[in-house]
Amino acid sequence: MQQKEFVSTTEVMKKLSISRNTLLKMVATGKFPQPLRLTEKTLRWREQVVSDWVANMEREAECAVQK
């Protein structure tokens, strides 16, 4: 399956099952990677960055359960 290079705010929200407000708060506090701003109103994330972040969070959760 081929990945898209960029994903929209809506796609990130769906992937993480969170609201736009939560996503933007996570970005503002450094808990989620910064997006690329393509225009004044258009934000995009690299798909690989989002996938890597999710994988890292899953690893951290597994480590926490094993302790």
C-alpha atoms as a PDB file:
ATOM      1  CA  MET A   1       0.000   0.000   0.000  1.00  0.00           C
ATOM      2  CA  GLN A   2       1.464   3.342  -1.032  1.00  0.00           C
ATOM      3  CA  GLN A   3       1.443   6.127   1.543  1.00  0.00           C
ATOM      4  CA  LYS A   4       0.556   9.676   0.705  1.00  0.00           C
ATOM      5  CA  GLU A   5       3.362  12.095   1.344  1.00  0.00           C
ATOM      6  CA  PHE A   6       1.222  14.638   3.233  1.00  0.00           C
ATOM      7  CA  VAL A   7      -1.891  14.298   5.379  1.00  0.00           C
ATOM      8  CA  SER A   8      -4.387  16.970   6.326  1.00  0.00           C
ATOM      9  CA  THR A   9      -5.492  18.081   9.766  1.00  0.00           C
ATOM     10  CA  THR A  10      -8.733  16.133   9.288  1.00  0.00           C
ATOM     11  CA  GLU A  11      -6.838  12.967   8.371  1.00  0.00           C
ATOM     12  CA  VAL A  12      -4.573  13.281  11.425  1.00  0.00           C
ATOM     13  CA  MET A  13      -7.621  13.876  13.636  1.00  0.00           C
ATOM     14  CA  LYS A  14      -9.273  10.714  12.298  1.00  0.00           C
ATOM     15  CA  LYS A  15      -6.109   8.630  12.645  1.00  0.00           C
ATOM     16  CA  LEU A  16      -5.677   9.686  16.282  1.00  0.00           C
ATOM     17  CA  SER A  17      -9.427   9.864  17.089  1.00  0.00           C
ATOM     18  CA  ILE A  18      -9.055  13.352  18.556  1.00  0.00           C
ATOM     19  CA  SER A  19     -10.644  16.752  17.962  1.00  0.00           C
ATOM     20  CA  ARG A  20      -9.044  19.632  16.083  1.00  0.00           C
ATOM     21  CA  ASN A  21      -8.729  21.549  19.358  1.00  0.00           C
ATOM     22  CA  THR A  22      -6.882  18.662  21.028  1.00  0.00           C
ATOM     23  CA  LEU A  23      -4.574  18.236  18.042  1.00  0.00           C
ATOM     24  CA  LEU A  24      -3.656  21.912  17.960  1.00  0.00           C
ATOM     25  CA  LYS A  25      -3.092  21.946  21.741  1.00  0.00           C
ATOM     26  CA  MET A  26      -0.784  18.945  21.400  1.00  0.00           C
ATOM     27  CA  VAL A  27       1.177  20.751  18.688  1.00  0.00           C
ATOM     28  CA  ALA A  28       1.344  23.964  20.740  1.00  0.00           C
ATOM     29  CA  THR A  29       2.694  22.106  23.801  1.00  0.00           C
ATOM     30  CA  GLY A  30       5.211  20.037  21.827  1.00  0.00           C
ATOM     31  CA  LYS A  31       3.381  16.743  22.369  1.00  0.00           C
ATOM     32  CA  PHE A  32       2.844  16.277  18.619  1.00  0.00           C
ATOM     33  CA  PRO A  33       5.076  17.261  15.679  1.00  0.00           C
ATOM     34  CA  GLN A  34       4.697  20.682  14.080  1.00  0.00           C
ATOM     35  CA  PRO A  35       2.857  20.732  10.747  1.00  0.00           C
ATOM     36  CA  LEU A  36       4.042  22.307   7.538  1.00  0.00           C
ATOM     37  CA  ARG A  37       2.104  25.462   6.693  1.00  0.00           C
ATOM     38  CA  LEU A  38       1.415  25.386   2.962  1.00  0.00           C
ATOM     39  CA  THR A  39      -0.750  28.522   2.951  1.00  0.00           C
ATOM     40  CA  GLU A  40      -2.121  30.827   5.616  1.00  0.00           C
ATOM     41  CA  LYS A  41      -4.959  28.387   6.348  1.00  0.00           C
ATOM     42  CA  THR A  42      -3.533  25.054   5.156  1.00  0.00           C
ATOM     43  CA  LEU A  43      -1.580  22.762   7.467  1.00  0.00           C
ATOM     44  CA  ARG A  44      -0.154  19.399   6.430  1.00  0.00           C
ATOM     45  CA  TRP A  45       1.898  16.755   8.175  1.00  0.00           C
ATOM     46  CA  ARG A  46       4.251  14.340   6.493  1.00  0.00           C
ATOM     47  CA  GLU A  47       2.596  10.915   6.649  1.00  0.00           C
ATOM     48  CA  GLN A  48       5.852   9.289   7.784  1.00  0.00           C
ATOM     49  CA  VAL A  49       6.200  11.731  10.701  1.00  0.00           C
ATOM     50  CA  VAL A  50       2.668  10.923  11.892  1.00  0.00           C
ATOM     51  CA  SER A  51       3.224   7.166  11.470  1.00  0.00           C
ATOM     52  CA  ASP A  52       6.526   7.344  13.365  1.00  0.00           C
ATOM     53  CA  TRP A  53       4.884   9.320  16.189  1.00  0.00           C
ATOM     54  CA  VAL A  54       2.074   6.738  16.497  1.00  0.00           C
ATOM     55  CA  ALA A  55       4.585   3.865  16.508  1.00  0.00           C
ATOM     56  CA  ASN A  56       6.641   5.590  19.204  1.00  0.00           C
ATOM     57  CA  MET A  57       3.549   6.133  21.369  1.00  0.00           C
ATOM     58  CA  GLU A  58       2.631   2.453  20.972  1.00  0.00           C
ATOM     59  CA  ARG A  59       6.141   1.390  22.045  1.00  0.00           C
ATOM     60  CA  GLU A  60       5.979   3.685  25.079  1.00  0.00           C
ATOM     61  CA  ALA A  61       2.584   2.269  26.056  1.00  0.00           C
ATOM     62  CA  GLU A  62       3.906  -1.304  25.762  1.00  0.00           C
ATOM     63  CA  CYS A  63       6.911  -0.454  27.938  1.00  0.00           C
ATOM     64  CA  ALA A  64       4.653   1.135  30.571  1.00  0.00           C
ATOM     65  CA  VAL A  65       2.479  -2.003  30.699  1.00  0.00           C
ATOM     66  CA  GLN A  66       5.502  -4.275  31.078  1.00  0.00           C
ATOM     67  CA  LYS A  67       6.812  -2.393  34.127  1.00  0.00           C
END
